[in-house]
Amino acid sequence: MNSRRQEILAGITEVAKTHVGWDGVLEMEMRLVEDLELDSLKSLTLALEVENRFRVELDQVEGIVTVGDLVDAIRERKDA
């Protein structure tokens, strides 16, 4: 994994710990809802706080299933 993806993953980990109570290591293949046990409120909180942290808009979240998908979505929007 390149350094940009690692940086984004670290930011997501920080947001998850601070705002949705995640206490563990995030792996790229982890599923957001199932593995992180996010209900609808926690999913919304994570999305909003990630947008704030990275200053991006996650307008299409349907395709974001895993942590890796989220990392890639943020990277694409930051690099655009």
N, C-alpha and C. Protein backbone atom coordinates (compact mmCIF):
# COMPACT_ATOMS: atom_id res chain seq x y z
N MET A 1 0.85 -1.18 0.00
CA MET A 1 0.00 0.00 0.00
C MET A 1 0.89 1.24 0.00
N ASN A 2 0.54 2.20 -0.86
CA ASN A 2 1.38 3.39 -0.94
C ASN A 2 1.12 4.32 0.24
N SER A 3 1.98 5.30 0.41
CA SER A 3 1.93 6.17 1.59
C SER A 3 0.66 7.02 1.62
N ARG A 4 0.15 7.42 0.46
CA ARG A 4 -1.08 8.22 0.42
C ARG A 4 -2.26 7.43 0.96
N ARG A 5 -2.36 6.17 0.55
CA ARG A 5 -3.44 5.31 1.04
C ARG A 5 -3.28 5.05 2.53
N GLN A 6 -2.04 4.88 3.00
CA GLN A 6 -1.79 4.67 4.42
C GLN A 6 -2.19 5.89 5.24
N GLU A 7 -1.90 7.07 4.72
CA GLU A 7 -2.26 8.32 5.38
C GLU A 7 -3.78 8.45 5.50
N ILE A 8 -4.49 8.13 4.43
CA ILE A 8 -5.95 8.19 4.45
C ILE A 8 -6.51 7.16 5.42
N LEU A 9 -5.97 5.95 5.40
CA LEU A 9 -6.41 4.90 6.32
C LEU A 9 -6.21 5.33 7.77
N ALA A 10 -5.09 5.96 8.06
CA ALA A 10 -4.83 6.44 9.43
C ALA A 10 -5.87 7.49 9.83
N GLY A 11 -6.23 8.37 8.90
CA GLY A 11 -7.24 9.38 9.19
C GLY A 11 -8.61 8.76 9.43
N ILE A 12 -8.97 7.76 8.64
CA ILE A 12 -10.24 7.07 8.84
C ILE A 12 -10.25 6.36 10.18
N THR A 13 -9.14 5.75 10.54
CA THR A 13 -9.03 5.07 11.83
C THR A 13 -9.25 6.05 12.97
N GLU A 14 -8.64 7.22 12.87
CA GLU A 14 -8.81 8.25 13.89
C GLU A 14 -10.27 8.68 14.00
N VAL A 15 -10.91 8.91 12.87
CA VAL A 15 -12.33 9.30 12.86
C VAL A 15 -13.18 8.18 13.47
N ALA A 16 -12.93 6.94 13.08
CA ALA A 16 -13.72 5.82 13.59
C ALA A 16 -13.58 5.68 15.10
N LYS A 17 -12.38 5.85 15.61
CA LYS A 17 -12.17 5.75 17.06
C LYS A 17 -12.85 6.89 17.79
N THR A 18 -12.73 8.09 17.27
CA THR A 18 -13.26 9.27 17.94
C THR A 18 -14.78 9.36 17.87
N HIS A 19 -15.35 9.03 16.72
CA HIS A 19 -16.76 9.34 16.50
C HIS A 19 -17.71 8.16 16.49
N VAL A 20 -17.22 6.95 16.26
CA VAL A 20 -18.13 5.80 16.27
C VAL A 20 -17.70 4.70 17.25
N GLY A 21 -16.70 4.99 18.06
CA GLY A 21 -16.31 4.05 19.10
C GLY A 21 -15.57 2.82 18.65
N TRP A 22 -14.98 2.85 17.46
CA TRP A 22 -14.21 1.70 16.97
C TRP A 22 -12.92 1.61 17.76
N ASP A 23 -12.62 0.43 18.26
CA ASP A 23 -11.40 0.25 19.04
C ASP A 23 -10.65 -0.96 18.47
N GLY A 24 -9.95 -0.72 17.40
CA GLY A 24 -9.22 -1.81 16.78
C GLY A 24 -8.44 -1.29 15.59
N VAL A 25 -7.84 -2.20 14.89
CA VAL A 25 -7.07 -1.88 13.69
C VAL A 25 -7.99 -2.02 12.49
N LEU A 26 -7.99 -1.02 11.63
CA LEU A 26 -8.77 -1.10 10.40
C LEU A 26 -7.91 -1.73 9.30
N GLU A 27 -8.50 -2.68 8.61
CA GLU A 27 -7.85 -3.32 7.47
C GLU A 27 -8.62 -2.96 6.21
N MET A 28 -7.94 -2.86 5.09
CA MET A 28 -8.55 -2.44 3.84
C MET A 28 -9.73 -3.33 3.43
N GLU A 29 -9.67 -4.61 3.73
CA GLU A 29 -10.72 -5.53 3.28
C GLU A 29 -11.92 -5.58 4.23
N MET A 30 -11.86 -4.89 5.35
CA MET A 30 -12.97 -4.91 6.30
C MET A 30 -14.20 -4.23 5.72
N ARG A 31 -15.35 -4.86 5.95
CA ARG A 31 -16.63 -4.29 5.50
C ARG A 31 -17.12 -3.29 6.54
N LEU A 32 -17.53 -2.14 6.08
CA LEU A 32 -17.91 -1.06 6.99
C LEU A 32 -19.08 -1.44 7.89
N VAL A 33 -20.14 -1.95 7.33
CA VAL A 33 -21.33 -2.25 8.13
C VAL A 33 -21.14 -3.52 8.95
N GLU A 34 -20.73 -4.59 8.30
CA GLU A 34 -20.64 -5.87 8.99
C GLU A 34 -19.47 -5.95 9.97
N ASP A 35 -18.27 -5.61 9.52
CA ASP A 35 -17.09 -5.79 10.35
C ASP A 35 -16.93 -4.69 11.41
N LEU A 36 -17.31 -3.47 11.05
CA LEU A 36 -17.23 -2.38 12.01
C LEU A 36 -18.51 -2.25 12.84
N GLU A 37 -19.50 -3.07 12.50
CA GLU A 37 -20.78 -3.12 13.21
C GLU A 37 -21.43 -1.74 13.27
N LEU A 38 -21.49 -1.08 12.10
CA LEU A 38 -22.08 0.25 12.03
C LEU A 38 -23.57 0.15 11.73
N ASP A 39 -24.38 0.75 12.60
CA ASP A 39 -25.79 0.88 12.29
C ASP A 39 -25.97 2.13 11.42
N SER A 40 -27.20 2.49 11.11
CA SER A 40 -27.41 3.61 10.20
C SER A 40 -26.89 4.93 10.78
N LEU A 41 -27.07 5.15 12.07
CA LEU A 41 -26.59 6.39 12.69
C LEU A 41 -25.07 6.45 12.69
N LYS A 42 -24.43 5.36 13.04
CA LYS A 42 -22.96 5.33 13.04
C LYS A 42 -22.40 5.45 11.62
N SER A 43 -23.09 4.86 10.65
CA SER A 43 -22.66 4.98 9.25
C SER A 43 -22.70 6.43 8.80
N LEU A 44 -23.80 7.10 9.13
CA LEU A 44 -23.95 8.51 8.77
C LEU A 44 -22.90 9.36 9.48
N THR A 45 -22.69 9.09 10.76
CA THR A 45 -21.68 9.82 11.53
C THR A 45 -20.30 9.64 10.93
N LEU A 46 -19.95 8.40 10.60
CA LEU A 46 -18.64 8.13 10.00
C LEU A 46 -18.50 8.89 8.68
N ALA A 47 -19.53 8.83 7.83
CA ALA A 47 -19.47 9.51 6.53
C ALA A 47 -19.29 11.01 6.70
N LEU A 48 -20.08 11.61 7.58
CA LEU A 48 -19.98 13.06 7.79
C LEU A 48 -18.63 13.47 8.38
N GLU A 49 -18.15 12.72 9.34
CA GLU A 49 -16.87 13.06 9.96
C GLU A 49 -15.70 12.82 9.02
N VAL A 50 -15.79 11.82 8.16
CA VAL A 50 -14.75 11.59 7.15
C VAL A 50 -14.75 12.75 6.16
N GLU A 51 -15.94 13.19 5.76
CA GLU A 51 -16.03 14.35 4.86
C GLU A 51 -15.38 15.58 5.50
N ASN A 52 -15.67 15.80 6.77
CA ASN A 52 -15.07 16.94 7.47
C ASN A 52 -13.56 16.80 7.59
N ARG A 53 -13.10 15.62 7.93
CA ARG A 53 -11.67 15.39 8.15
C ARG A 53 -10.85 15.59 6.87
N PHE A 54 -11.39 15.08 5.76
CA PHE A 54 -10.64 15.11 4.50
C PHE A 54 -11.10 16.22 3.56
N ARG A 55 -12.13 16.96 3.95
CA ARG A 55 -12.66 18.05 3.14
C ARG A 55 -13.06 17.58 1.73
N VAL A 56 -13.86 16.49 1.74
CA VAL A 56 -14.38 15.93 0.50
C VAL A 56 -15.88 15.71 0.65
N GLU A 57 -16.55 15.49 -0.47
CA GLU A 57 -17.96 15.12 -0.45
C GLU A 57 -18.09 13.68 -0.94
N LEU A 58 -18.70 12.86 -0.13
CA LEU A 58 -18.94 11.47 -0.51
C LEU A 58 -20.36 11.37 -1.03
N ASP A 59 -20.58 11.91 -2.22
CA ASP A 59 -21.92 12.00 -2.78
C ASP A 59 -22.51 10.67 -3.20
N GLN A 60 -21.70 9.71 -3.56
CA GLN A 60 -22.21 8.39 -3.96
C GLN A 60 -21.58 7.34 -3.06
N VAL A 61 -22.31 6.97 -2.01
CA VAL A 61 -21.78 6.02 -1.05
C VAL A 61 -22.24 4.58 -1.31
N GLU A 62 -23.09 4.39 -2.32
CA GLU A 62 -23.61 3.05 -2.58
C GLU A 62 -22.49 2.04 -2.86
N GLY A 63 -21.47 2.46 -3.57
CA GLY A 63 -20.39 1.54 -3.94
C GLY A 63 -19.31 1.40 -2.87
N ILE A 64 -19.46 2.10 -1.78
CA ILE A 64 -18.46 2.05 -0.71
C ILE A 64 -18.89 1.00 0.30
N VAL A 65 -18.25 -0.16 0.21
CA VAL A 65 -18.62 -1.29 1.06
C VAL A 65 -17.53 -1.59 2.07
N THR A 66 -16.28 -1.49 1.63
CA THR A 66 -15.15 -1.83 2.50
C THR A 66 -14.36 -0.57 2.89
N VAL A 67 -13.50 -0.73 3.85
CA VAL A 67 -12.60 0.35 4.23
C VAL A 67 -11.76 0.76 3.03
N GLY A 68 -11.31 -0.20 2.24
CA GLY A 68 -10.53 0.09 1.05
C GLY A 68 -11.30 0.91 0.03
N ASP A 69 -12.60 0.62 -0.11
CA ASP A 69 -13.44 1.42 -1.01
C ASP A 69 -13.49 2.86 -0.52
N LEU A 70 -13.60 3.05 0.78
CA LEU A 70 -13.66 4.39 1.36
C LEU A 70 -12.34 5.12 1.14
N VAL A 71 -11.23 4.43 1.36
CA VAL A 71 -9.91 5.02 1.13
C VAL A 71 -9.79 5.47 -0.33
N ASP A 72 -10.19 4.60 -1.25
CA ASP A 72 -10.09 4.93 -2.67
C ASP A 72 -11.00 6.10 -3.05
N ALA A 73 -12.21 6.14 -2.49
CA ALA A 73 -13.14 7.23 -2.78
C ALA A 73 -12.57 8.56 -2.31
N ILE A 74 -11.98 8.57 -1.13
CA ILE A 74 -11.37 9.80 -0.60
C ILE A 74 -10.19 10.20 -1.47
N ARG A 75 -9.35 9.24 -1.81
CA ARG A 75 -8.16 9.54 -2.62
C ARG A 75 -8.56 10.12 -3.97
N GLU A 76 -9.55 9.53 -4.61
CA GLU A 76 -10.01 10.03 -5.91
C GLU A 76 -10.51 11.48 -5.81
N ARG A 77 -11.25 11.76 -4.76
CA ARG A 77 -11.81 13.10 -4.61
C ARG A 77 -10.74 14.12 -4.22
N LYS A 78 -9.75 13.70 -3.46
CA LYS A 78 -8.66 14.60 -3.07
C LYS A 78 -7.74 14.88 -4.25
N ASP A 79 -7.56 13.90 -5.11
CA ASP A 79 -6.65 14.05 -6.25
C ASP A 79 -7.32 14.73 -7.45
N ALA A 80 -8.64 14.85 -7.40
CA ALA A 80 -9.37 15.44 -8.54
C ALA A 80 -9.17 16.94 -8.62
